[in-house]
Structures are given as structure tokens and as C-alpha cells.
């Protein structure tokens, strides 16, 4: 049940934010969720930027923006592996 909820949340987030202006947002979001969650052992494990881009995710290297990188690296350890919520536009 929790696993299905995670999939639904990620798919909704991808459609709402990452692919919001993409005419094929439903298929792209579904394909990414299926790819990332098909194998249970991939759950909660990082993927490389190269792999993320190959799967269709839109990613940018943090190293391209020192100010944003500093803010992410300040907040990320605070999560301690737990889910937390904040608006990126508030720290960016």
C-alpha cells in the first residue's frame, strides 16, 4: 500500500512540475515511475545524473550554481533520510 502511494505521488509530481508543459507528460511520468520502481532493490537508492537523463528526467548539475548548491547541501543533511517538505523557491 505504501509503495503504491509513493508511486502515485511521484507520478503526480512529475506531471505537475517537471513535465507540466510537455504534451506527453502522462506517458513520460508513468515510464519513469515504472522504470525506477520496477525492481524493489532500487527503492531509495540514488541514480547517477547520466542515468536520470537517459530515463527522461530533467536534471541540472548543482555545481553549475554555487549559491543553490550551498543551500541544498545545507538542507539535505537535515533530512536524515526522512521526508521533509519545503518550497525550493523559498531557498533559491
C-alpha atoms as a PDB file:
ATOM      1  CA  UNK A   1       0.000   0.000   0.000  1.00  0.00           C
ATOM      2  CA  UNK A   2       2.731   2.488   0.987  1.00  0.00           C
ATOM      3  CA  UNK A   3       4.695   1.526  -2.137  1.00  0.00           C
ATOM      4  CA  UNK A   4       1.705   2.291  -4.389  1.00  0.00           C
ATOM      5  CA  UNK A   5       1.160   5.621  -2.662  1.00  0.00           C
ATOM      6  CA  UNK A   6       4.804   6.565  -3.307  1.00  0.00           C
ATOM      7  CA  UNK A   7       4.409   5.718  -6.978  1.00  0.00           C
ATOM      8  CA  UNK A   8       1.243   7.810  -7.233  1.00  0.00           C
ATOM      9  CA  UNK A   9       2.868  10.787  -5.531  1.00  0.00           C
ATOM     10  CA  UNK A  10       5.962  10.680  -7.743  1.00  0.00           C
ATOM     11  CA  UNK A  11       3.922  10.312 -10.920  1.00  0.00           C
ATOM     12  CA  UNK A  12       1.689  13.226  -9.929  1.00  0.00           C
ATOM     13  CA  UNK A  13       4.700  15.386  -9.049  1.00  0.00           C
ATOM     14  CA  UNK A  14       6.398  14.647 -12.376  1.00  0.00           C
ATOM     15  CA  UNK A  15       3.244  15.533 -14.338  1.00  0.00           C
ATOM     16  CA  UNK A  16       2.529  18.633 -12.277  1.00  0.00           C
ATOM     17  CA  UNK A  17       6.016  20.112 -12.144  1.00  0.00           C
ATOM     18  CA  UNK A  18       8.773  18.543 -14.240  1.00  0.00           C
ATOM     19  CA  UNK A  19       6.670  17.840 -17.329  1.00  0.00           C
ATOM     20  CA  UNK A  20       3.909  20.395 -16.802  1.00  0.00           C
ATOM     21  CA  UNK A  21       4.311  21.888 -20.307  1.00  0.00           C
ATOM     22  CA  UNK A  22       5.050  18.621 -22.093  1.00  0.00           C
ATOM     23  CA  UNK A  23       2.288  17.244 -24.324  1.00  0.00           C
ATOM     24  CA  UNK A  24       3.427  13.687 -23.466  1.00  0.00           C
ATOM     25  CA  UNK A  25       3.669  14.258 -19.689  1.00  0.00           C
ATOM     26  CA  UNK A  26       1.424  11.313 -18.739  1.00  0.00           C
ATOM     27  CA  UNK A  27       3.500   8.735 -20.619  1.00  0.00           C
ATOM     28  CA  UNK A  28       6.837  10.215 -19.550  1.00  0.00           C
ATOM     29  CA  UNK A  29       5.863  10.294 -15.882  1.00  0.00           C
ATOM     30  CA  UNK A  30       4.444   6.767 -15.978  1.00  0.00           C
ATOM     31  CA  UNK A  31       7.555   5.395 -17.746  1.00  0.00           C
ATOM     32  CA  UNK A  32       9.910   6.984 -15.234  1.00  0.00           C
ATOM     33  CA  UNK A  33       7.923   5.697 -12.259  1.00  0.00           C
ATOM     34  CA  UNK A  34       7.789   2.201 -13.765  1.00  0.00           C
ATOM     35  CA  UNK A  35      11.497   2.205 -14.527  1.00  0.00           C
ATOM     36  CA  UNK A  36      12.502   3.410 -11.068  1.00  0.00           C
ATOM     37  CA  UNK A  37      10.095   1.240  -9.097  1.00  0.00           C
ATOM     38  CA  UNK A  38      10.014  -1.958 -11.151  1.00  0.00           C
ATOM     39  CA  UNK A  39      12.760  -3.508  -9.069  1.00  0.00           C
ATOM     40  CA  UNK A  40      12.271  -3.231  -5.324  1.00  0.00           C
ATOM     41  CA  UNK A  41      16.023  -3.053  -4.731  1.00  0.00           C
ATOM     42  CA  UNK A  42      16.192   0.327  -6.494  1.00  0.00           C
ATOM     43  CA  UNK A  43      13.856   1.934  -3.967  1.00  0.00           C
ATOM     44  CA  UNK A  44      15.504   4.743  -2.007  1.00  0.00           C
ATOM     45  CA  UNK A  45      18.804   4.446  -3.889  1.00  0.00           C
ATOM     46  CA  UNK A  46      20.451   7.239  -5.807  1.00  0.00           C
ATOM     47  CA  UNK A  47      20.830   7.109  -9.556  1.00  0.00           C
ATOM     48  CA  UNK A  48      23.515   8.955 -11.491  1.00  0.00           C
ATOM     49  CA  UNK A  49      22.785  12.146 -13.378  1.00  0.00           C
ATOM     50  CA  UNK A  50      23.548  10.306 -16.621  1.00  0.00           C
ATOM     51  CA  UNK A  51      21.031   7.554 -15.817  1.00  0.00           C
ATOM     52  CA  UNK A  52      18.418  10.104 -14.745  1.00  0.00           C
ATOM     53  CA  UNK A  53      18.767  11.948 -18.043  1.00  0.00           C
ATOM     54  CA  UNK A  54      18.655   8.685 -20.006  1.00  0.00           C
ATOM     55  CA  UNK A  55      15.352   7.862 -18.284  1.00  0.00           C
ATOM     56  CA  UNK A  56      13.906  11.223 -19.299  1.00  0.00           C
ATOM     57  CA  UNK A  57      14.267  13.231 -16.102  1.00  0.00           C
ATOM     58  CA  UNK A  58      15.184  16.888 -16.435  1.00  0.00           C
ATOM     59  CA  UNK A  59      18.178  17.447 -14.157  1.00  0.00           C
ATOM     60  CA  UNK A  60      20.824  20.105 -13.751  1.00  0.00           C
ATOM     61  CA  UNK A  61      24.176  19.740 -12.022  1.00  0.00           C
ATOM     62  CA  UNK A  62      24.260  21.556  -8.693  1.00  0.00           C
ATOM     63  CA  UNK A  63      27.825  22.561  -9.474  1.00  0.00           C
ATOM     64  CA  UNK A  64      26.535  24.950 -12.136  1.00  0.00           C
ATOM     65  CA  UNK A  65      25.084  27.255  -9.482  1.00  0.00           C
ATOM     66  CA  UNK A  66      27.232  27.743  -6.379  1.00  0.00           C
ATOM     67  CA  UNK A  67      24.592  29.627  -4.395  1.00  0.00           C
ATOM     68  CA  UNK A  68      21.907  26.985  -4.967  1.00  0.00           C
ATOM     69  CA  UNK A  69      24.376  24.149  -4.307  1.00  0.00           C
ATOM     70  CA  UNK A  70      25.319  25.687  -0.956  1.00  0.00           C
ATOM     71  CA  UNK A  71      21.658  25.900   0.042  1.00  0.00           C
ATOM     72  CA  UNK A  72      20.885  22.318  -0.985  1.00  0.00           C
ATOM     73  CA  UNK A  73      23.944  20.991   0.837  1.00  0.00           C
ATOM     74  CA  UNK A  74      22.889  22.943   3.920  1.00  0.00           C
ATOM     75  CA  UNK A  75      19.345  21.499   3.947  1.00  0.00           C
ATOM     76  CA  UNK A  76      19.909  17.944   2.654  1.00  0.00           C
ATOM     77  CA  UNK A  77      21.746  16.565   5.730  1.00  0.00           C
ATOM     78  CA  UNK A  78      18.906  17.861   7.914  1.00  0.00           C
ATOM     79  CA  UNK A  79      16.537  15.378   6.295  1.00  0.00           C
ATOM     80  CA  UNK A  80      18.457  12.460   7.831  1.00  0.00           C
ATOM     81  CA  UNK A  81      16.771  10.103   5.379  1.00  0.00           C
ATOM     82  CA  UNK A  82      13.295  11.271   6.332  1.00  0.00           C
ATOM     83  CA  UNK A  83      10.821  13.003   4.114  1.00  0.00           C
ATOM     84  CA  UNK A  84      10.589  16.720   4.566  1.00  0.00           C
ATOM     85  CA  UNK A  85       8.772  19.434   2.742  1.00  0.00           C
ATOM     86  CA  UNK A  86       9.764  22.936   1.758  1.00  0.00           C
ATOM     87  CA  UNK A  87       9.370  25.123  -1.287  1.00  0.00           C
ATOM     88  CA  UNK A  88      12.567  25.333  -3.314  1.00  0.00           C
ATOM     89  CA  UNK A  89      11.676  28.831  -4.465  1.00  0.00           C
ATOM     90  CA  UNK A  90      11.843  29.929  -0.816  1.00  0.00           C
ATOM     91  CA  UNK A  91      15.506  28.934  -0.506  1.00  0.00           C
ATOM     92  CA  UNK A  92      16.591  29.644  -4.066  1.00  0.00           C
END
